Amino acid sequence: MNRLRFAMIGCGRISRKHVEALAANGAAAALAAVCDIVPGRAAEASRAYAERMPGGKAPAACLDYRHMLGEQGLDAVAVCVESGRHAEVALDCLRSGLHVLVEKPMALSSGDAEAMISLAGQNGLRLGVCHQNRFNPPIQRLRRALDEGRFGKLVNGTVRVLWNRDAGYYSQAPWRGTWKLDGGTLMNQCIHGIDLLQWMMGGAPETVMGMTGRFLRDIEAEDFGAAIMRFGNGSIGIVEGSACVYPENLEETLGIFGETGAAVIGGMAVDRVQTWRFADLREYDGETRDPEIIDVYGNGHSPLYADFISAVRDGRDPYISGKDGKIALDIVLRVYAQEGHSCG
């Protein structure tokens, strides 16, 4: 079977994880083209991919993705541009008949997210969202315990993203921390954890309350945010997200607590089992070998790509579909609306 031909639009900070993931899935997919409006970035990404694929062809590099879409015999596109342009670029790709895997957040408005979902459905295309932490082995183990009913009645879940994003981080690109193109800590740093929380606790919450503040960073949006929500099953979710932790990243932690179980997955990228207590015992409870995580992005992009490629081949929804990605987005937007803010 021919490999799927991917393009990557946007060659900034996160793009290296996509390059690594496509190389890791090289038997099933190939990176055929890369694009970035900053001269030199696309060529750098092309070289990085070629170095990981000895004997392989370096992807074509270009500045204008619209010219690229109809020229490279593409099947799918990874959208890795700044958050405020996710919807625009994704919709252009979907209109061109291409499957789309979009970085988080999938859009900066519910309307744009819905438009992406609708257009993909109308055209019979796959739309996936990069919430790669769902593939972390400890998170998969936690989901298994939940699906097996081991928590009993759910009581509450917590997400804590306690990171440091200093002035140097925000000065890397002028769009960071702006309402138009990024949002703040809840939208950028915390949306992965919010996705995990809603996924574990019952989906879109019925009630969301939140507060945000700009304490230390010279940005438009918040550098600290908190939220509390109630899910349809009655359980309560709590989110704490900070870009102000001194002097460096501390943790990203997900806790799930129920009548007969308590589990906390922590580490730098929800990658370490810290607490695992259940009324019953299962064979997999003894699993303690968690993968080594070298950065906050984790190791989930490669299995995420493997699933997305399989979804395209099989004509099914990806593990994390557009509809799934929209839930976490809507939670953040509900907090922002209460605070009188909007993105995009």
C-alpha atoms as a PDB file:
ATOM      1  CA  MET A   1       0.000   0.000   0.000  1.00  0.00           C
ATOM      2  CA  ASN A   2       1.331   3.453  -0.917  1.00  0.00           C
ATOM      3  CA  ARG A   3       2.381   5.695   1.901  1.00  0.00           C
ATOM      4  CA  LEU A   4       0.139   8.664   2.704  1.00  0.00           C
ATOM      5  CA  ARG A   5       1.688  11.920   1.571  1.00  0.00           C
ATOM      6  CA  PHE A   6       1.625  14.619   4.244  1.00  0.00           C
ATOM      7  CA  ALA A   7       2.412  18.312   4.158  1.00  0.00           C
ATOM      8  CA  MET A   8       3.251  20.321   7.266  1.00  0.00           C
ATOM      9  CA  ILE A   9       2.184  23.957   7.353  1.00  0.00           C
ATOM     10  CA  GLY A  10       4.039  25.908  10.024  1.00  0.00           C
ATOM     11  CA  CYS A  11       7.610  25.046  11.018  1.00  0.00           C
ATOM     12  CA  GLY A  12       7.896  26.707  14.404  1.00  0.00           C
ATOM     13  CA  ARG A  13       8.460  25.402  17.925  1.00  0.00           C
ATOM     14  CA  ILE A  14       6.126  22.365  17.809  1.00  0.00           C
ATOM     15  CA  SER A  15       6.999  21.267  14.269  1.00  0.00           C
ATOM     16  CA  ARG A  16       9.918  19.100  15.336  1.00  0.00           C
ATOM     17  CA  LYS A  17       7.520  16.748  17.127  1.00  0.00           C
ATOM     18  CA  HIS A  18       5.588  16.323  13.881  1.00  0.00           C
ATOM     19  CA  VAL A  19       8.800  15.695  11.958  1.00  0.00           C
ATOM     20  CA  GLU A  20       9.801  13.056  14.516  1.00  0.00           C
ATOM     21  CA  ALA A  21       6.351  11.449  14.430  1.00  0.00           C
ATOM     22  CA  LEU A  22       6.184  11.244  10.637  1.00  0.00           C
ATOM     23  CA  ALA A  23       9.670   9.764  10.510  1.00  0.00           C
ATOM     24  CA  ALA A  24       8.670   7.215  13.162  1.00  0.00           C
ATOM     25  CA  ASN A  25       5.698   6.256  10.969  1.00  0.00           C
ATOM     26  CA  GLY A  26       7.802   6.219   7.818  1.00  0.00           C
ATOM     27  CA  ALA A  27       6.506   2.844   6.650  1.00  0.00           C
ATOM     28  CA  ALA A  28       2.975   4.243   6.374  1.00  0.00           C
ATOM     29  CA  ALA A  29       3.453   7.932   5.634  1.00  0.00           C
ATOM     30  CA  ALA A  30       5.889  10.383   4.094  1.00  0.00           C
ATOM     31  CA  LEU A  31       6.407  14.082   4.637  1.00  0.00           C
ATOM     32  CA  ALA A  32       6.217  15.407   1.075  1.00  0.00           C
ATOM     33  CA  ALA A  33       6.184  19.175   1.648  1.00  0.00           C
ATOM     34  CA  VAL A  34       6.756  21.751   4.366  1.00  0.00           C
ATOM     35  CA  CYS A  35       5.750  25.391   4.448  1.00  0.00           C
ATOM     36  CA  ASP A  36       6.422  28.453   6.585  1.00  0.00           C
ATOM     37  CA  ILE A  37       6.152  32.186   5.893  1.00  0.00           C
ATOM     38  CA  VAL A  38       9.489  32.815   7.654  1.00  0.00           C
ATOM     39  CA  PRO A  39      12.284  32.254   5.120  1.00  0.00           C
ATOM     40  CA  GLY A  40      14.558  29.370   6.062  1.00  0.00           C
ATOM     41  CA  ARG A  41      12.248  27.624   8.510  1.00  0.00           C
ATOM     42  CA  ALA A  42      10.728  25.286   5.938  1.00  0.00           C
ATOM     43  CA  ALA A  43      14.146  24.381   4.562  1.00  0.00           C
ATOM     44  CA  GLU A  44      15.346  23.617   8.096  1.00  0.00           C
ATOM     45  CA  ALA A  45      12.351  21.330   8.725  1.00  0.00           C
ATOM     46  CA  SER A  46      12.935  19.623   5.386  1.00  0.00           C
ATOM     47  CA  ARG A  47      16.566  18.900   6.317  1.00  0.00           C
ATOM     48  CA  ALA A  48      15.545  17.633   9.759  1.00  0.00           C
ATOM     49  CA  TYR A  49      13.132  15.128   8.207  1.00  0.00           C
ATOM     50  CA  ALA A  50      15.630  13.999   5.555  1.00  0.00           C
ATOM     51  CA  GLU A  51      18.249  13.356   8.251  1.00  0.00           C
ATOM     52  CA  ARG A  52      15.823  11.016   9.985  1.00  0.00           C
ATOM     53  CA  MET A  53      15.013   9.166   6.763  1.00  0.00           C
ATOM     54  CA  PRO A  54      18.334   7.994   5.276  1.00  0.00           C
ATOM     55  CA  GLY A  55      17.987   7.605   1.550  1.00  0.00           C
ATOM     56  CA  GLY A  56      14.634   9.350   1.589  1.00  0.00           C
ATOM     57  CA  LYS A  57      13.680  12.392  -0.426  1.00  0.00           C
ATOM     58  CA  ALA A  58      13.778  15.752   1.326  1.00  0.00           C
ATOM     59  CA  PRO A  59      10.318  17.370   1.416  1.00  0.00           C
ATOM     60  CA  ALA A  60       9.679  20.306  -0.864  1.00  0.00           C
ATOM     61  CA  ALA A  61       9.963  23.620   1.017  1.00  0.00           C
ATOM     62  CA  CYS A  62       7.819  26.651   0.260  1.00  0.00           C
ATOM     63  CA  LEU A  63       6.540  29.965   1.649  1.00  0.00           C
ATOM     64  CA  ASP A  64       2.895  29.924   0.474  1.00  0.00           C
ATOM     65  CA  TYR A  65       0.821  26.916   1.481  1.00  0.00           C
ATOM     66  CA  ARG A  66      -1.963  27.722  -0.972  1.00  0.00           C
ATOM     67  CA  HIS A  67       0.400  27.108  -3.882  1.00  0.00           C
ATOM     68  CA  MET A  68       1.514  23.857  -2.298  1.00  0.00           C
ATOM     69  CA  LEU A  69      -1.904  22.265  -1.722  1.00  0.00           C
ATOM     70  CA  GLY A  70      -2.589  21.327  -5.316  1.00  0.00           C
ATOM     71  CA  GLU A  71       0.958  20.607  -6.445  1.00  0.00           C
ATOM     72  CA  GLN A  72       2.399  17.783  -4.360  1.00  0.00           C
ATOM     73  CA  GLY A  73      -0.138  14.955  -4.733  1.00  0.00           C
ATOM     74  CA  LEU A  74      -0.986  15.259  -1.049  1.00  0.00           C
ATOM     75  CA  ASP A  75      -3.327  13.161   1.075  1.00  0.00           C
ATOM     76  CA  ALA A  76      -3.191  14.985   4.415  1.00  0.00           C
ATOM     77  CA  VAL A  77      -1.870  18.101   6.113  1.00  0.00           C
ATOM     78  CA  ALA A  78      -0.523  18.791   9.594  1.00  0.00           C
ATOM     79  CA  VAL A  79      -1.501  22.336  10.605  1.00  0.00           C
ATOM     80  CA  CYS A  80       1.127  23.757  12.955  1.00  0.00           C
ATOM     81  CA  VAL A  81       0.779  27.513  12.461  1.00  0.00           C
ATOM     82  CA  GLU A  82      -0.025  29.946  15.263  1.00  0.00           C
ATOM     83  CA  SER A  83      -3.269  29.107  17.052  1.00  0.00           C
ATOM     84  CA  GLY A  84      -5.260  32.009  15.643  1.00  0.00           C
ATOM     85  CA  ARG A  85      -4.689  30.752  12.097  1.00  0.00           C
ATOM     86  CA  HIS A  86      -5.519  27.088  12.721  1.00  0.00           C
ATOM     87  CA  ALA A  87      -9.076  27.370  11.449  1.00  0.00           C
ATOM     88  CA  GLU A  88      -8.233  29.432   8.359  1.00  0.00           C
ATOM     89  CA  VAL A  89      -5.510  27.049   7.216  1.00  0.00           C
ATOM     90  CA  ALA A  90      -7.428  23.884   8.150  1.00  0.00           C
ATOM     91  CA  LEU A  91     -10.507  25.031   6.242  1.00  0.00           C
ATOM     92  CA  ASP A  92      -8.398  25.788   3.164  1.00  0.00           C
ATOM     93  CA  CYS A  93      -6.927  22.286   3.341  1.00  0.00           C
ATOM     94  CA  LEU A  94     -10.332  20.656   3.790  1.00  0.00           C
ATOM     95  CA  ARG A  95     -11.686  22.601   0.815  1.00  0.00           C
ATOM     96  CA  SER A  96      -8.784  21.162  -1.173  1.00  0.00           C
ATOM     97  CA  GLY A  97      -9.946  17.648  -0.329  1.00  0.00           C
ATOM     98  CA  LEU A  98      -7.191  16.890   2.181  1.00  0.00           C
ATOM     99  CA  HIS A  99      -7.416  15.212   5.572  1.00  0.00           C
ATOM    100  CA  VAL A 100      -6.293  17.487   8.418  1.00  0.00           C
ATOM    101  CA  LEU A 101      -4.445  16.918  11.675  1.00  0.00           C
ATOM    102  CA  VAL A 102      -4.453  20.234  13.534  1.00  0.00           C
ATOM    103  CA  GLU A 103      -2.427  21.292  16.547  1.00  0.00           C
ATOM    104  CA  LYS A 104      -4.181  22.384  19.711  1.00  0.00           C
ATOM    105  CA  PRO A 105      -6.280  24.381  20.193  1.00  0.00           C
ATOM    106  CA  MET A 106      -8.095  23.386  17.020  1.00  0.00           C
ATOM    107  CA  ALA A 107      -9.430  26.957  16.678  1.00  0.00           C
ATOM    108  CA  LEU A 108      -9.975  30.059  18.793  1.00  0.00           C
ATOM    109  CA  SER A 109     -13.757  30.182  18.450  1.00  0.00           C
ATOM    110  CA  SER A 110     -16.518  27.615  18.704  1.00  0.00           C
ATOM    111  CA  GLY A 111     -17.916  28.764  15.370  1.00  0.00           C
ATOM    112  CA  ASP A 112     -14.636  28.121  13.561  1.00  0.00           C
ATOM    113  CA  ALA A 113     -14.283  24.722  15.212  1.00  0.00           C
ATOM    114  CA  GLU A 114     -17.811  23.794  14.179  1.00  0.00           C
ATOM    115  CA  ALA A 115     -17.108  24.935  10.613  1.00  0.00           C
ATOM    116  CA  MET A 116     -14.065  22.660  10.480  1.00  0.00           C
ATOM    117  CA  ILE A 117     -16.034  19.690  11.801  1.00  0.00           C
ATOM    118  CA  SER A 118     -18.900  20.330   9.394  1.00  0.00           C
ATOM    119  CA  LEU A 119     -16.711  20.731   6.298  1.00  0.00           C
ATOM    120  CA  ALA A 120     -14.724  17.587   7.087  1.00  0.00           C
ATOM    121  CA  GLY A 121     -17.969  15.638   7.455  1.00  0.00           C
ATOM    122  CA  GLN A 122     -19.453  17.018   4.258  1.00  0.00           C
ATOM    123  CA  ASN A 123     -16.325  16.101   2.282  1.00  0.00           C
ATOM    124  CA  GLY A 124     -15.805  12.677   3.856  1.00  0.00           C
ATOM    125  CA  LEU A 125     -12.459  13.754   5.314  1.00  0.00           C
ATOM    126  CA  ARG A 126     -10.736  12.975   8.601  1.00  0.00           C
ATOM    127  CA  LEU A 127     -10.183  15.820  11.076  1.00  0.00           C
ATOM    128  CA  GLY A 128      -7.926  15.065  14.024  1.00  0.00           C
ATOM    129  CA  VAL A 129      -6.701  17.248  16.898  1.00  0.00           C
ATOM    130  CA  CYS A 130      -3.266  16.982  18.522  1.00  0.00           C
ATOM    131  CA  HIS A 131      -4.074  16.167  22.123  1.00  0.00           C
ATOM    132  CA  GLN A 132      -1.199  13.710  22.176  1.00  0.00           C
ATOM    133  CA  ASN A 133      -1.123  13.216  25.950  1.00  0.00           C
ATOM    134  CA  ARG A 134      -4.103  10.878  25.630  1.00  0.00           C
ATOM    135  CA  PHE A 135      -1.596   8.360  24.261  1.00  0.00           C
ATOM    136  CA  ASN A 136       0.733   8.465  27.284  1.00  0.00           C
ATOM    137  CA  PRO A 137       0.875   4.896  28.675  1.00  0.00           C
ATOM    138  CA  PRO A 138      -0.093   6.010  32.224  1.00  0.00           C
ATOM    139  CA  ILE A 139      -3.057   7.934  30.792  1.00  0.00           C
ATOM    140  CA  GLN A 140      -4.104   4.895  28.766  1.00  0.00           C
ATOM    141  CA  ARG A 141      -3.871   2.791  31.933  1.00  0.00           C
ATOM    142  CA  LEU A 142      -5.997   5.332  33.785  1.00  0.00           C
ATOM    143  CA  ARG A 143      -8.602   5.315  31.037  1.00  0.00           C
ATOM    144  CA  ARG A 144      -8.709   1.522  31.154  1.00  0.00           C
ATOM    145  CA  ALA A 145      -9.376   1.585  34.898  1.00  0.00           C
ATOM    146  CA  LEU A 146     -12.142   4.120  34.350  1.00  0.00           C
ATOM    147  CA  ASP A 147     -13.748   2.100  31.551  1.00  0.00           C
ATOM    148  CA  GLU A 148     -13.674  -0.983  33.766  1.00  0.00           C
ATOM    149  CA  GLY A 149     -15.624   0.897  36.452  1.00  0.00           C
ATOM    150  CA  ARG A 150     -12.868   0.663  39.024  1.00  0.00           C
ATOM    151  CA  PHE A 151     -13.450   4.163  40.422  1.00  0.00           C
ATOM    152  CA  GLY A 152     -17.075   3.469  41.275  1.00  0.00           C
ATOM    153  CA  LYS A 153     -18.988   6.714  41.560  1.00  0.00           C
ATOM    154  CA  LEU A 154     -16.819   9.582  40.373  1.00  0.00           C
ATOM    155  CA  VAL A 155     -16.416  12.426  42.858  1.00  0.00           C
ATOM    156  CA  ASN A 156     -13.906  14.857  41.383  1.00  0.00           C
ATOM    157  CA  GLY A 157     -10.999  15.307  39.019  1.00  0.00           C
ATOM    158  CA  THR A 158      -8.194  17.847  39.120  1.00  0.00           C
ATOM    159  CA  VAL A 159      -5.726  19.269  36.619  1.00  0.00           C
ATOM    160  CA  ARG A 160      -2.696  21.268  37.731  1.00  0.00           C
ATOM    161  CA  VAL A 161      -0.393  22.780  35.116  1.00  0.00           C
ATOM    162  CA  LEU A 162       2.297  24.579  37.077  1.00  0.00           C
ATOM    163  CA  TRP A 163       4.783  25.860  34.544  1.00  0.00           C
ATOM    164  CA  ASN A 164       7.045  28.808  33.895  1.00  0.00           C
ATOM    165  CA  ARG A 165       6.814  30.836  30.697  1.00  0.00           C
ATOM    166  CA  ASP A 166       9.139  33.811  31.027  1.00  0.00           C
ATOM    167  CA  ALA A 167       9.522  36.941  28.945  1.00  0.00           C
ATOM    168  CA  GLY A 168      11.902  35.125  26.608  1.00  0.00           C
ATOM    169  CA  TYR A 169       9.209  32.615  25.725  1.00  0.00           C
ATOM    170  CA  TYR A 170       6.669  35.273  24.820  1.00  0.00           C
ATOM    171  CA  SER A 171       9.189  37.337  22.879  1.00  0.00           C
ATOM    172  CA  GLN A 172       9.965  34.372  20.583  1.00  0.00           C
ATOM    173  CA  ALA A 173       6.938  35.289  18.488  1.00  0.00           C
ATOM    174  CA  PRO A 174       4.702  38.380  18.558  1.00  0.00           C
ATOM    175  CA  TRP A 175       1.490  36.322  18.515  1.00  0.00           C
ATOM    176  CA  ARG A 176       2.142  34.633  21.861  1.00  0.00           C
ATOM    177  CA  GLY A 177      -0.170  35.742  24.637  1.00  0.00           C
ATOM    178  CA  THR A 178      -2.401  37.824  22.344  1.00  0.00           C
ATOM    179  CA  TRP A 179      -6.172  37.488  22.273  1.00  0.00           C
ATOM    180  CA  LYS A 180      -6.273  37.479  18.493  1.00  0.00           C
ATOM    181  CA  LEU A 181      -3.815  34.659  17.842  1.00  0.00           C
ATOM    182  CA  ASP A 182      -3.192  32.751  21.075  1.00  0.00           C
ATOM    183  CA  GLY A 183      -5.112  33.337  24.273  1.00  0.00           C
ATOM    184  CA  GLY A 184      -3.484  32.801  27.636  1.00  0.00           C
ATOM    185  CA  THR A 185      -2.389  30.005  29.911  1.00  0.00           C
ATOM    186  CA  LEU A 186      -5.719  28.170  29.887  1.00  0.00           C
ATOM    187  CA  MET A 187      -5.872  28.110  26.087  1.00  0.00           C
ATOM    188  CA  ASN A 188      -2.222  27.433  25.353  1.00  0.00           C
ATOM    189  CA  GLN A 189      -0.586  25.580  28.243  1.00  0.00           C
ATOM    190  CA  CYS A 190      -3.614  24.039  29.983  1.00  0.00           C
ATOM    191  CA  ILE A 191      -5.833  22.852  27.157  1.00  0.00           C
ATOM    192  CA  HIS A 192      -4.163  19.415  27.051  1.00  0.00           C
ATOM    193  CA  GLY A 193      -4.947  18.882  30.721  1.00  0.00           C
ATOM    194  CA  ILE A 194      -8.477  20.204  30.306  1.00  0.00           C
ATOM    195  CA  ASP A 195      -8.958  17.732  27.461  1.00  0.00           C
ATOM    196  CA  LEU A 196      -7.823  14.866  29.676  1.00  0.00           C
ATOM    197  CA  LEU A 197     -10.057  15.999  32.536  1.00  0.00           C
ATOM    198  CA  GLN A 198     -13.250  16.165  30.467  1.00  0.00           C
ATOM    199  CA  TRP A 199     -12.372  12.877  28.728  1.00  0.00           C
ATOM    200  CA  MET A 200     -12.094  11.107  32.054  1.00  0.00           C
ATOM    201  CA  MET A 201     -14.957  12.809  33.885  1.00  0.00           C
ATOM    202  CA  GLY A 202     -17.797  12.529  31.394  1.00  0.00           C
ATOM    203  CA  GLY A 203     -17.388  14.880  28.451  1.00  0.00           C
ATOM    204  CA  ALA A 204     -18.636  18.425  28.076  1.00  0.00           C
ATOM    205  CA  PRO A 205     -19.496  19.868  31.516  1.00  0.00           C
ATOM    206  CA  GLU A 206     -22.912  21.311  32.272  1.00  0.00           C
ATOM    207  CA  THR A 207     -21.543  24.199  34.334  1.00  0.00           C
ATOM    208  CA  VAL A 208     -18.241  26.095  34.087  1.00  0.00           C
ATOM    209  CA  MET A 209     -17.000  28.890  36.335  1.00  0.00           C
ATOM    210  CA  GLY A 210     -13.585  30.471  36.179  1.00  0.00           C
ATOM    211  CA  MET A 211     -11.270  33.329  37.007  1.00  0.00           C
ATOM    212  CA  THR A 212      -8.134  34.574  35.275  1.00  0.00           C
ATOM    213  CA  GLY A 213      -5.433  37.132  35.933  1.00  0.00           C
ATOM    214  CA  ARG A 214      -2.347  38.697  34.408  1.00  0.00           C
ATOM    215  CA  PHE A 215       0.174  38.802  37.222  1.00  0.00           C
ATOM    216  CA  LEU A 216       3.771  38.684  35.992  1.00  0.00           C
ATOM    217  CA  ARG A 217       3.971  38.418  32.191  1.00  0.00           C
ATOM    218  CA  ASP A 218       3.668  41.386  29.848  1.00  0.00           C
ATOM    219  CA  ILE A 219       1.001  39.854  27.602  1.00  0.00           C
ATOM    220  CA  GLU A 220      -2.604  40.647  26.688  1.00  0.00           C
ATOM    221  CA  ALA A 221      -4.128  37.400  27.979  1.00  0.00           C
ATOM    222  CA  GLU A 222      -3.868  35.653  31.335  1.00  0.00           C
ATOM    223  CA  ASP A 223      -0.734  34.126  32.835  1.00  0.00           C
ATOM    224  CA  PHE A 224      -2.818  32.362  35.510  1.00  0.00           C
ATOM    225  CA  GLY A 225      -6.267  30.833  35.248  1.00  0.00           C
ATOM    226  CA  ALA A 226      -8.515  28.626  37.341  1.00  0.00           C
ATOM    227  CA  ALA A 227     -11.798  26.902  36.638  1.00  0.00           C
ATOM    228  CA  ILE A 228     -14.322  24.684  38.361  1.00  0.00           C
ATOM    229  CA  MET A 229     -16.958  22.695  36.504  1.00  0.00           C
ATOM    230  CA  ARG A 230     -19.725  20.174  37.094  1.00  0.00           C
ATOM    231  CA  PHE A 231     -20.222  17.291  34.706  1.00  0.00           C
ATOM    232  CA  GLY A 232     -23.458  15.578  33.777  1.00  0.00           C
ATOM    233  CA  ASN A 233     -22.727  12.674  36.119  1.00  0.00           C
ATOM    234  CA  GLY A 234     -22.531  15.103  39.056  1.00  0.00           C
ATOM    235  CA  SER A 235     -18.752  14.976  39.457  1.00  0.00           C
ATOM    236  CA  ILE A 236     -16.711  18.159  39.819  1.00  0.00           C
ATOM    237  CA  GLY A 237     -13.604  19.159  37.886  1.00  0.00           C
ATOM    238  CA  ILE A 238     -10.996  21.669  39.020  1.00  0.00           C
ATOM    239  CA  VAL A 239      -8.335  23.311  36.841  1.00  0.00           C
ATOM    240  CA  GLU A 240      -5.301  25.294  38.005  1.00  0.00           C
ATOM    241  CA  GLY A 241      -3.031  26.673  35.305  1.00  0.00           C
ATOM    242  CA  SER A 242      -0.019  28.910  35.749  1.00  0.00           C
ATOM    243  CA  ALA A 243       2.790  30.281  33.616  1.00  0.00           C
ATOM    244  CA  CYS A 244       4.237  32.031  36.677  1.00  0.00           C
ATOM    245  CA  VAL A 245       5.821  29.228  38.710  1.00  0.00           C
ATOM    246  CA  TYR A 246       9.258  30.210  40.010  1.00  0.00           C
ATOM    247  CA  PRO A 247      11.839  29.494  38.704  1.00  0.00           C
ATOM    248  CA  GLU A 248      10.933  26.752  36.192  1.00  0.00           C
ATOM    249  CA  ASN A 249       8.297  24.177  35.244  1.00  0.00           C
ATOM    250  CA  LEU A 250       7.089  22.167  38.224  1.00  0.00           C
ATOM    251  CA  GLU A 251       4.451  19.672  37.053  1.00  0.00           C
ATOM    252  CA  GLU A 252       1.456  18.773  34.957  1.00  0.00           C
ATOM    253  CA  THR A 253      -0.789  16.542  37.033  1.00  0.00           C
ATOM    254  CA  LEU A 254      -4.147  14.842  36.510  1.00  0.00           C
ATOM    255  CA  GLY A 255      -5.997  13.368  39.480  1.00  0.00           C
ATOM    256  CA  ILE A 256      -9.161  11.261  39.319  1.00  0.00           C
ATOM    257  CA  PHE A 257     -11.002  10.377  42.551  1.00  0.00           C
ATOM    258  CA  GLY A 258     -13.991   8.140  43.068  1.00  0.00           C
ATOM    259  CA  GLU A 259     -15.815   5.918  45.502  1.00  0.00           C
ATOM    260  CA  THR A 260     -13.441   2.957  45.101  1.00  0.00           C
ATOM    261  CA  GLY A 261     -10.376   4.412  43.408  1.00  0.00           C
ATOM    262  CA  ALA A 262      -7.857   7.231  43.464  1.00  0.00           C
ATOM    263  CA  ALA A 263      -5.217   7.861  40.817  1.00  0.00           C
ATOM    264  CA  VAL A 264      -2.799  10.699  40.174  1.00  0.00           C
ATOM    265  CA  ILE A 265      -0.687  10.908  37.030  1.00  0.00           C
ATOM    266  CA  GLY A 266       2.016  13.557  37.251  1.00  0.00           C
ATOM    267  CA  GLY A 267       5.506  14.333  36.043  1.00  0.00           C
ATOM    268  CA  MET A 268       6.426  16.951  33.480  1.00  0.00           C
ATOM    269  CA  ALA A 269       3.784  15.871  30.954  1.00  0.00           C
ATOM    270  CA  VAL A 270       1.271  13.650  32.820  1.00  0.00           C
ATOM    271  CA  ASP A 271       3.688  10.769  32.297  1.00  0.00           C
ATOM    272  CA  ARG A 272       4.288   9.290  35.780  1.00  0.00           C
ATOM    273  CA  VAL A 273       1.983   7.279  38.025  1.00  0.00           C
ATOM    274  CA  GLN A 274       2.165   8.984  41.416  1.00  0.00           C
ATOM    275  CA  THR A 275      -0.890   7.448  43.106  1.00  0.00           C
ATOM    276  CA  TRP A 276      -2.699   4.250  42.142  1.00  0.00           C
ATOM    277  CA  ARG A 277      -5.179   2.921  44.721  1.00  0.00           C
ATOM    278  CA  PHE A 278      -8.220   0.760  44.019  1.00  0.00           C
ATOM    279  CA  ALA A 279     -10.529  -1.465  46.032  1.00  0.00           C
ATOM    280  CA  ASP A 280      -9.865  -4.327  43.612  1.00  0.00           C
ATOM    281  CA  LEU A 281      -6.624  -5.617  42.135  1.00  0.00           C
ATOM    282  CA  ARG A 282      -5.804  -6.133  38.465  1.00  0.00           C
ATOM    283  CA  GLU A 283      -2.784  -7.587  36.731  1.00  0.00           C
ATOM    284  CA  TYR A 284      -1.814  -4.272  35.155  1.00  0.00           C
ATOM    285  CA  ASP A 285      -1.692  -2.502  38.535  1.00  0.00           C
ATOM    286  CA  GLY A 286       1.919  -3.579  38.875  1.00  0.00           C
ATOM    287  CA  GLU A 287       3.054  -1.746  35.751  1.00  0.00           C
ATOM    288  CA  THR A 288       5.596   0.834  36.838  1.00  0.00           C
ATOM    289  CA  ARG A 289       7.755   1.408  33.759  1.00  0.00           C
ATOM    290  CA  ASP A 290       6.657   4.740  32.416  1.00  0.00           C
ATOM    291  CA  PRO A 291       8.392   6.200  29.349  1.00  0.00           C
ATOM    292  CA  GLU A 292      11.136   8.763  29.692  1.00  0.00           C
ATOM    293  CA  ILE A 293       9.723  12.181  28.855  1.00  0.00           C
ATOM    294  CA  ILE A 294      12.347  14.679  27.749  1.00  0.00           C
ATOM    295  CA  ASP A 295      10.130  17.751  27.336  1.00  0.00           C
ATOM    296  CA  VAL A 296       6.640  19.089  28.030  1.00  0.00           C
ATOM    297  CA  TYR A 297       5.337  17.819  24.694  1.00  0.00           C
ATOM    298  CA  GLY A 298       5.691  14.194  25.782  1.00  0.00           C
ATOM    299  CA  ASN A 299       6.016  11.188  23.479  1.00  0.00           C
ATOM    300  CA  GLY A 300       2.465  11.041  22.174  1.00  0.00           C
ATOM    301  CA  HIS A 301       2.802  12.510  18.687  1.00  0.00           C
ATOM    302  CA  SER A 302       4.073   9.276  17.122  1.00  0.00           C
ATOM    303  CA  PRO A 303       1.146   7.095  18.269  1.00  0.00           C
ATOM    304  CA  LEU A 304      -1.212   9.974  17.474  1.00  0.00           C
ATOM    305  CA  TYR A 305       0.056   9.945  13.887  1.00  0.00           C
ATOM    306  CA  ALA A 306      -0.183   6.152  13.723  1.00  0.00           C
ATOM    307  CA  ASP A 307      -3.839   6.371  14.714  1.00  0.00           C
ATOM    308  CA  PHE A 308      -4.573   9.240  12.319  1.00  0.00           C
ATOM    309  CA  ILE A 309      -2.983   7.384   9.405  1.00  0.00           C
ATOM    310  CA  SER A 310      -5.028   4.308  10.292  1.00  0.00           C
ATOM    311  CA  ALA A 311      -8.194   6.411  10.512  1.00  0.00           C
ATOM    312  CA  VAL A 312      -7.604   7.773   7.006  1.00  0.00           C
ATOM    313  CA  ARG A 313      -6.968   4.270   5.684  1.00  0.00           C
ATOM    314  CA  ASP A 314     -10.018   2.781   7.411  1.00  0.00           C
ATOM    315  CA  GLY A 315     -12.424   5.683   6.834  1.00  0.00           C
ATOM    316  CA  ARG A 316     -13.133   6.122  10.548  1.00  0.00           C
ATOM    317  CA  ASP A 317     -12.861   8.984  13.010  1.00  0.00           C
ATOM    318  CA  PRO A 318      -9.433   9.485  14.607  1.00  0.00           C
ATOM    319  CA  TYR A 319      -9.008   8.664  18.287  1.00  0.00           C
ATOM    320  CA  ILE A 320      -9.188  12.418  18.932  1.00  0.00           C
ATOM    321  CA  SER A 321     -11.631  13.840  16.400  1.00  0.00           C
ATOM    322  CA  GLY A 322     -12.647  17.420  15.760  1.00  0.00           C
ATOM    323  CA  LYS A 323     -15.709  16.920  17.928  1.00  0.00           C
ATOM    324  CA  ASP A 324     -13.472  15.697  20.747  1.00  0.00           C
ATOM    325  CA  GLY A 325     -11.096  18.646  20.394  1.00  0.00           C
ATOM    326  CA  LYS A 326     -13.916  21.157  20.504  1.00  0.00           C
ATOM    327  CA  ILE A 327     -14.961  20.156  24.026  1.00  0.00           C
ATOM    328  CA  ALA A 328     -11.791  21.448  25.702  1.00  0.00           C
ATOM    329  CA  LEU A 329     -11.839  24.551  23.513  1.00  0.00           C
ATOM    330  CA  ASP A 330     -15.397  25.356  24.569  1.00  0.00           C
ATOM    331  CA  ILE A 331     -14.518  24.989  28.257  1.00  0.00           C
ATOM    332  CA  VAL A 332     -11.771  27.607  27.981  1.00  0.00           C
ATOM    333  CA  LEU A 333     -13.963  29.928  25.929  1.00  0.00           C
ATOM    334  CA  ARG A 334     -16.683  29.729  28.581  1.00  0.00           C
ATOM    335  CA  VAL A 335     -14.192  30.874  31.215  1.00  0.00           C
ATOM    336  CA  TYR A 336     -12.999  33.707  28.993  1.00  0.00           C
ATOM    337  CA  ALA A 337     -16.571  34.818  28.303  1.00  0.00           C
ATOM    338  CA  GLN A 338     -17.226  35.122  32.041  1.00  0.00           C
ATOM    339  CA  GLU A 339     -14.137  37.310  32.343  1.00  0.00           C
ATOM    340  CA  GLY A 340     -15.222  39.479  29.402  1.00  0.00           C
ATOM    341  CA  HIS A 341     -12.592  38.196  26.982  1.00  0.00           C
ATOM    342  CA  SER A 342     -12.746  36.577  23.562  1.00  0.00           C
ATOM    343  CA  CYS A 343     -10.169  35.130  21.205  1.00  0.00           C
ATOM    344  CA  GLY A 344      -9.694  35.367  17.488  1.00  0.00           C
END
